């Protein structure tokens, strides 16, 4: 999914992995895996989102299924 807009994938952790990812464990390498596309949602946004001078919330559409 991300390859459509960028050549790098951001680190996305599943909620079940938060505690372990933030723990002092030295190398949780097995958590470095692609996040499932089926659990992501992509929506078009206005370019104004990329500028800090636009301190507005009108581009954010909270989706209760993604929280």
N, C-alpha and C. Protein backbone atom coordinates (compact mmCIF):
# COMPACT_ATOMS: atom_id res chain seq x y z
N UNK A 1 0.83 -1.19 0.00
CA UNK A 1 0.00 0.00 0.00
C UNK A 1 0.88 1.26 0.00
N UNK A 2 1.88 1.30 0.85
CA UNK A 2 2.72 2.49 0.96
C UNK A 2 3.56 2.72 -0.29
N UNK A 3 3.90 1.68 -1.01
CA UNK A 3 4.72 1.82 -2.21
C UNK A 3 4.06 2.73 -3.25
N UNK A 4 2.76 2.88 -3.18
CA UNK A 4 2.05 3.76 -4.11
C UNK A 4 2.44 5.23 -3.90
N UNK A 5 2.85 5.59 -2.67
CA UNK A 5 3.14 6.99 -2.39
C UNK A 5 4.58 7.25 -1.94
N UNK A 6 5.30 6.22 -1.52
CA UNK A 6 6.68 6.44 -1.06
C UNK A 6 7.45 5.13 -1.12
N UNK A 7 8.77 5.23 -1.27
CA UNK A 7 9.59 4.01 -1.38
C UNK A 7 10.02 3.45 -0.04
N UNK A 8 9.69 4.15 1.05
CA UNK A 8 10.02 3.64 2.38
C UNK A 8 8.75 3.41 3.17
N UNK A 9 8.80 2.45 4.07
CA UNK A 9 7.66 2.11 4.90
C UNK A 9 7.89 2.64 6.31
N UNK A 10 6.96 3.41 6.85
CA UNK A 10 7.13 3.86 8.24
C UNK A 10 6.98 2.69 9.20
N UNK A 11 7.56 2.83 10.37
CA UNK A 11 7.40 1.80 11.39
C UNK A 11 6.01 1.95 11.99
N UNK A 12 5.22 0.91 11.88
CA UNK A 12 3.88 0.89 12.46
C UNK A 12 3.80 -0.35 13.33
N UNK A 13 3.47 -0.17 14.56
CA UNK A 13 3.36 -1.29 15.50
C UNK A 13 1.90 -1.52 15.84
N UNK A 14 1.56 -2.79 15.98
CA UNK A 14 0.22 -3.16 16.43
C UNK A 14 0.15 -2.88 17.93
N UNK A 15 -1.02 -2.52 18.42
CA UNK A 15 -1.20 -2.20 19.84
C UNK A 15 -0.66 -3.31 20.75
N UNK A 16 -0.82 -4.54 20.34
CA UNK A 16 -0.35 -5.67 21.15
C UNK A 16 1.17 -5.67 21.32
N UNK A 17 1.88 -4.96 20.44
CA UNK A 17 3.34 -4.93 20.48
C UNK A 17 3.91 -3.69 21.16
N UNK A 18 3.07 -2.71 21.52
CA UNK A 18 3.56 -1.45 22.09
C UNK A 18 4.46 -1.66 23.30
N UNK A 19 3.98 -2.41 24.27
CA UNK A 19 4.73 -2.57 25.51
C UNK A 19 6.11 -3.17 25.24
N UNK A 20 6.15 -4.18 24.43
CA UNK A 20 7.43 -4.83 24.14
C UNK A 20 8.34 -3.91 23.33
N UNK A 21 7.79 -3.19 22.35
CA UNK A 21 8.58 -2.29 21.52
C UNK A 21 9.24 -1.20 22.37
N UNK A 22 8.52 -0.71 23.38
CA UNK A 22 9.03 0.37 24.23
C UNK A 22 9.80 -0.13 25.45
N UNK A 23 9.92 -1.43 25.60
CA UNK A 23 10.61 -2.00 26.75
C UNK A 23 12.13 -1.89 26.57
N UNK A 24 12.88 -2.15 27.62
CA UNK A 24 14.34 -2.11 27.51
C UNK A 24 14.94 -3.34 26.81
N UNK A 25 14.11 -4.20 26.29
CA UNK A 25 14.62 -5.38 25.55
C UNK A 25 15.60 -4.90 24.49
N UNK A 26 16.79 -5.51 24.41
CA UNK A 26 17.83 -5.01 23.52
C UNK A 26 17.46 -5.01 22.02
N UNK A 27 16.96 -6.09 21.49
CA UNK A 27 16.69 -6.17 20.05
C UNK A 27 15.41 -6.95 19.75
N UNK A 28 14.28 -6.28 19.78
CA UNK A 28 13.04 -6.99 19.42
C UNK A 28 12.90 -7.06 17.89
N UNK A 29 13.91 -7.65 17.24
CA UNK A 29 13.97 -7.70 15.77
C UNK A 29 12.74 -8.34 15.13
N UNK A 30 12.13 -9.28 15.81
CA UNK A 30 10.99 -9.94 15.21
C UNK A 30 9.79 -8.99 15.05
N UNK A 31 9.84 -7.83 15.72
CA UNK A 31 8.77 -6.84 15.56
C UNK A 31 8.96 -5.99 14.30
N UNK A 32 10.11 -6.11 13.66
CA UNK A 32 10.38 -5.36 12.44
C UNK A 32 9.82 -6.14 11.24
N UNK A 33 8.54 -6.08 11.12
CA UNK A 33 7.87 -6.77 10.02
C UNK A 33 6.83 -5.82 9.43
N UNK A 34 6.46 -6.00 8.18
CA UNK A 34 5.48 -5.10 7.59
C UNK A 34 4.13 -5.17 8.31
N UNK A 35 3.53 -4.01 8.50
CA UNK A 35 2.20 -3.95 9.09
C UNK A 35 1.21 -4.41 8.02
N UNK A 36 0.23 -5.24 8.38
CA UNK A 36 -0.70 -5.77 7.37
C UNK A 36 -1.52 -4.69 6.66
N UNK A 37 -1.50 -4.71 5.35
CA UNK A 37 -2.28 -3.75 4.56
C UNK A 37 -3.76 -3.76 4.95
N UNK A 38 -4.26 -4.92 5.29
CA UNK A 38 -5.69 -5.04 5.62
C UNK A 38 -6.08 -4.22 6.85
N UNK A 39 -5.10 -3.89 7.69
CA UNK A 39 -5.37 -3.11 8.90
C UNK A 39 -5.12 -1.61 8.71
N UNK A 40 -4.70 -1.21 7.49
CA UNK A 40 -4.42 0.20 7.21
C UNK A 40 -5.53 0.80 6.35
N UNK A 41 -5.60 2.11 6.41
CA UNK A 41 -6.57 2.84 5.60
C UNK A 41 -5.83 4.02 4.97
N UNK A 42 -6.04 4.23 3.68
CA UNK A 42 -5.41 5.34 2.98
C UNK A 42 -6.50 6.27 2.47
N UNK A 43 -6.30 7.57 2.72
CA UNK A 43 -7.25 8.58 2.28
C UNK A 43 -6.50 9.76 1.70
N UNK A 44 -7.01 10.36 0.64
CA UNK A 44 -6.34 11.55 0.11
C UNK A 44 -6.49 12.73 1.07
N UNK A 45 -5.45 13.55 1.14
CA UNK A 45 -5.49 14.75 1.98
C UNK A 45 -4.97 15.93 1.17
N UNK A 46 -5.28 17.12 1.62
CA UNK A 46 -4.82 18.34 0.97
C UNK A 46 -3.35 18.56 1.27
N UNK A 47 -2.62 19.18 0.35
CA UNK A 47 -1.19 19.44 0.54
C UNK A 47 -0.93 20.38 1.72
N UNK A 48 -1.92 21.13 2.14
CA UNK A 48 -1.72 22.07 3.25
C UNK A 48 -1.38 21.34 4.56
N UNK A 49 -1.66 20.06 4.63
CA UNK A 49 -1.34 19.27 5.83
C UNK A 49 0.17 19.24 6.07
N UNK A 50 0.96 19.33 5.01
CA UNK A 50 2.41 19.26 5.13
C UNK A 50 3.07 20.53 5.64
N UNK A 51 2.31 21.59 5.90
CA UNK A 51 2.91 22.85 6.35
C UNK A 51 2.48 23.17 7.78
N UNK A 52 3.44 23.49 8.67
CA UNK A 52 3.09 23.82 10.05
C UNK A 52 2.34 25.14 10.18
N UNK A 53 2.34 25.97 9.13
CA UNK A 53 1.60 27.25 9.22
C UNK A 53 0.09 27.02 9.17
N UNK A 54 -0.31 25.83 8.77
CA UNK A 54 -1.73 25.49 8.70
C UNK A 54 -2.13 24.73 9.96
N UNK A 55 -2.38 25.44 11.03
CA UNK A 55 -2.72 24.84 12.32
C UNK A 55 -4.24 24.67 12.41
N UNK A 56 -4.74 23.74 11.62
CA UNK A 56 -6.18 23.51 11.53
C UNK A 56 -6.47 22.02 11.65
N UNK A 57 -7.69 21.69 11.92
CA UNK A 57 -8.05 20.29 12.11
C UNK A 57 -8.99 19.79 11.01
N UNK A 58 -9.33 20.64 10.05
CA UNK A 58 -10.35 20.26 9.06
C UNK A 58 -9.96 19.11 8.15
N UNK A 59 -8.69 18.73 8.09
CA UNK A 59 -8.28 17.61 7.24
C UNK A 59 -8.31 16.28 7.97
N UNK A 60 -8.52 16.30 9.26
CA UNK A 60 -8.52 15.07 10.04
C UNK A 60 -9.92 14.52 10.13
N UNK A 61 -10.08 13.29 9.71
CA UNK A 61 -11.39 12.63 9.76
C UNK A 61 -11.26 11.43 10.68
N UNK A 62 -11.54 11.62 11.98
CA UNK A 62 -11.38 10.49 12.90
C UNK A 62 -12.30 9.33 12.52
N UNK A 63 -11.70 8.18 12.39
CA UNK A 63 -12.42 6.97 12.05
C UNK A 63 -12.42 6.07 13.29
N UNK A 64 -13.57 5.92 13.96
CA UNK A 64 -13.61 5.14 15.20
C UNK A 64 -13.14 3.70 15.04
N UNK A 65 -13.17 3.15 13.83
CA UNK A 65 -12.71 1.77 13.64
C UNK A 65 -11.20 1.69 13.64
N UNK A 66 -10.49 2.83 13.48
CA UNK A 66 -9.04 2.83 13.43
C UNK A 66 -8.42 3.18 14.77
N UNK A 67 -9.21 3.49 15.77
CA UNK A 67 -8.68 3.88 17.08
C UNK A 67 -8.44 2.68 17.95
